[in-house]
C-alpha atoms as a PDB file:
ATOM      1  CA  MET A   1       6.096 -14.962  -9.372  1.00  0.00           C
ATOM      2  CA  LEU A   2       4.092 -12.656 -11.069  1.00  0.00           C
ATOM      3  CA  SER A   3       2.409 -10.202  -8.684  1.00  0.00           C
ATOM      4  CA  VAL A   4      -0.453  -8.240  -9.538  1.00  0.00           C
ATOM      5  CA  VAL A   5      -1.194  -5.302  -7.427  1.00  0.00           C
ATOM      6  CA  ILE A   6      -4.765  -3.470  -7.496  1.00  0.00           C
ATOM      7  CA  PRO A   7      -5.290  -0.683  -5.508  1.00  0.00           C
ATOM      8  CA  VAL A   8      -9.053  -0.585  -4.008  1.00  0.00           C
ATOM      9  CA  HIS A   9     -11.407   2.175  -3.321  1.00  0.00           C
ATOM     10  CA  ASN A  10     -15.077   1.615  -2.808  1.00  0.00           C
ATOM     11  CA  GLU A  11     -14.977  -1.120  -5.717  1.00  0.00           C
ATOM     12  CA  GLU A  12     -17.702  -3.472  -4.121  1.00  0.00           C
ATOM     13  CA  ALA A  13     -19.300  -3.973  -7.032  1.00  0.00           C
ATOM     14  CA  ALA A  14     -16.644  -4.763  -9.121  1.00  0.00           C
ATOM     15  CA  LEU A  15     -14.481  -6.696  -7.163  1.00  0.00           C
ATOM     16  CA  LEU A  16     -15.844 -10.296  -7.745  1.00  0.00           C
ATOM     17  CA  PRO A  17     -16.260 -10.023 -11.379  1.00  0.00           C
ATOM     18  CA  LEU A  18     -12.513  -8.615 -11.587  1.00  0.00           C
ATOM     19  CA  TYR A  19     -11.310 -11.801  -9.421  1.00  0.00           C
ATOM     20  CA  ASP A  20     -13.263 -13.955 -11.389  1.00  0.00           C
ATOM     21  CA  ARG A  21     -11.583 -12.844 -14.679  1.00  0.00           C
ATOM     22  CA  LEU A  22      -8.262 -12.066 -13.428  1.00  0.00           C
ATOM     23  CA  THR A  23      -7.817 -15.304 -12.147  1.00  0.00           C
ATOM     24  CA  ALA A  24      -8.783 -17.294 -14.871  1.00  0.00           C
ATOM     25  CA  VAL A  25      -6.255 -15.519 -16.793  1.00  0.00           C
ATOM     26  CA  LEU A  26      -3.369 -15.781 -14.520  1.00  0.00           C
ATOM     27  CA  GLU A  27      -3.991 -19.682 -13.780  1.00  0.00           C
ATOM     28  CA  GLY A  28      -4.095 -19.940 -17.359  1.00  0.00           C
ATOM     29  CA  LEU A  29      -0.508 -19.011 -17.819  1.00  0.00           C
ATOM     30  CA  GLY A  30       0.835 -21.998 -15.832  1.00  0.00           C
ATOM     31  CA  ARG A  31       3.117 -20.050 -13.552  1.00  0.00           C
ATOM     32  CA  PRO A  32       2.943 -18.884 -10.049  1.00  0.00           C
ATOM     33  CA  TYR A  33       1.131 -15.939  -8.986  1.00  0.00           C
ATOM     34  CA  GLU A  34      -0.328 -13.395  -6.251  1.00  0.00           C
ATOM     35  CA  VAL A  35      -2.759 -10.842  -6.270  1.00  0.00           C
ATOM     36  CA  VAL A  36      -2.122  -8.053  -4.031  1.00  0.00           C
ATOM     37  CA  PHE A  37      -5.404  -5.957  -3.318  1.00  0.00           C
ATOM     38  CA  VAL A  38      -4.691  -2.938  -1.269  1.00  0.00           C
ATOM     39  CA  ASP A  39      -7.926  -0.846   0.360  1.00  0.00           C
ATOM     40  CA  ASP A  40      -7.665   2.097   0.334  1.00  0.00           C
ATOM     41  CA  ALA A  41      -9.819   2.870   3.165  1.00  0.00           C
ATOM     42  CA  SER A  42     -12.991   2.149   1.642  1.00  0.00           C
ATOM     43  CA  THR A  43     -16.105   3.134   3.175  1.00  0.00           C
ATOM     44  CA  ASP A  44     -18.483   0.351   1.220  1.00  0.00           C
ATOM     45  CA  ARG A  45     -17.877  -3.466   1.824  1.00  0.00           C
ATOM     46  CA  SER A  46     -14.562  -3.562  -0.326  1.00  0.00           C
ATOM     47  CA  PHE A  47     -12.638  -4.657   2.387  1.00  0.00           C
ATOM     48  CA  GLU A  48     -15.450  -7.068   3.815  1.00  0.00           C
ATOM     49  CA  LEU A  49     -15.404  -9.269   0.273  1.00  0.00           C
ATOM     50  CA  LEU A  50     -11.523  -9.334  -0.095  1.00  0.00           C
ATOM     51  CA  ALA A  51     -11.161 -10.463   3.418  1.00  0.00           C
ATOM     52  CA  ASN A  52     -13.378 -13.192   2.174  1.00  0.00           C
ATOM     53  CA  LEU A  53     -11.644 -14.346  -0.997  1.00  0.00           C
ATOM     54  CA  VAL A  54      -8.417 -14.005   1.000  1.00  0.00           C
ATOM     55  CA  GLU A  55      -9.666 -17.089   3.526  1.00  0.00           C
ATOM     56  CA  THR A  56     -10.442 -19.038  -0.047  1.00  0.00           C
ATOM     57  CA  ASP A  57      -7.230 -18.103  -1.775  1.00  0.00           C
ATOM     58  CA  ALA A  58      -4.087 -18.257  -0.373  1.00  0.00           C
ATOM     59  CA  ARG A  59      -2.804 -16.590  -3.618  1.00  0.00           C
ATOM     60  CA  LEU A  60      -4.456 -13.499  -2.632  1.00  0.00           C
ATOM     61  CA  ARG A  61      -3.130 -10.589  -0.553  1.00  0.00           C
ATOM     62  CA  VAL A  62      -5.012  -7.459   1.415  1.00  0.00           C
ATOM     63  CA  VAL A  63      -3.347  -4.460   2.454  1.00  0.00           C
ATOM     64  CA  ARG A  64      -5.469  -1.857   4.389  1.00  0.00           C
ATOM     65  CA  LEU A  65      -4.490   1.965   4.530  1.00  0.00           C
ATOM     66  CA  ARG A  66      -5.851   3.516   7.912  1.00  0.00           C
ATOM     67  CA  ARG A  67      -7.075   6.332   5.900  1.00  0.00           C
ATOM     68  CA  ASN A  68      -7.596   7.404   2.041  1.00  0.00           C
ATOM     69  CA  PHE A  69      -4.131   8.247   0.985  1.00  0.00           C
ATOM     70  CA  GLY A  70      -4.849   7.917  -2.899  1.00  0.00           C
ATOM     71  CA  GLN A  71      -3.956   6.254  -6.150  1.00  0.00           C
ATOM     72  CA  THR A  72      -0.260   6.556  -5.975  1.00  0.00           C
ATOM     73  CA  ALA A  73       0.619   5.569  -2.311  1.00  0.00           C
ATOM     74  CA  ALA A  74      -1.606   2.122  -2.515  1.00  0.00           C
ATOM     75  CA  LEU A  75       0.015   1.015  -5.718  1.00  0.00           C
ATOM     76  CA  SER A  76       3.455   2.159  -3.420  1.00  0.00           C
ATOM     77  CA  ALA A  77       1.983  -0.109  -0.338  1.00  0.00           C
ATOM     78  CA  GLY A  78       1.211  -3.020  -2.855  1.00  0.00           C
ATOM     79  CA  PHE A  79       4.360  -3.242  -4.666  1.00  0.00           C
ATOM     80  CA  ASP A  80       6.609  -2.748  -1.004  1.00  0.00           C
ATOM     81  CA  GLU A  81       4.028  -6.277  -0.248  1.00  0.00           C
ATOM     82  CA  ALA A  82       4.649  -7.779  -3.151  1.00  0.00           C
END
């Protein structure tokens, strides 16, 4: 299975276009995949949007960090989840 880990911090405007493009490419590969979004304590609606996407797409997972740890820590948390 292919796992894609994406750290997120206040990316509300970019999440839906990213999801649409990424899933189109991954579906074209014809192999199983998962996408792990790691919300690094966003203060916008990023987590809400991700939570809604998870309800409609079982290939998605969301990890929510309790405070902003930075991109490296977010990636590490996503790798652990994957």
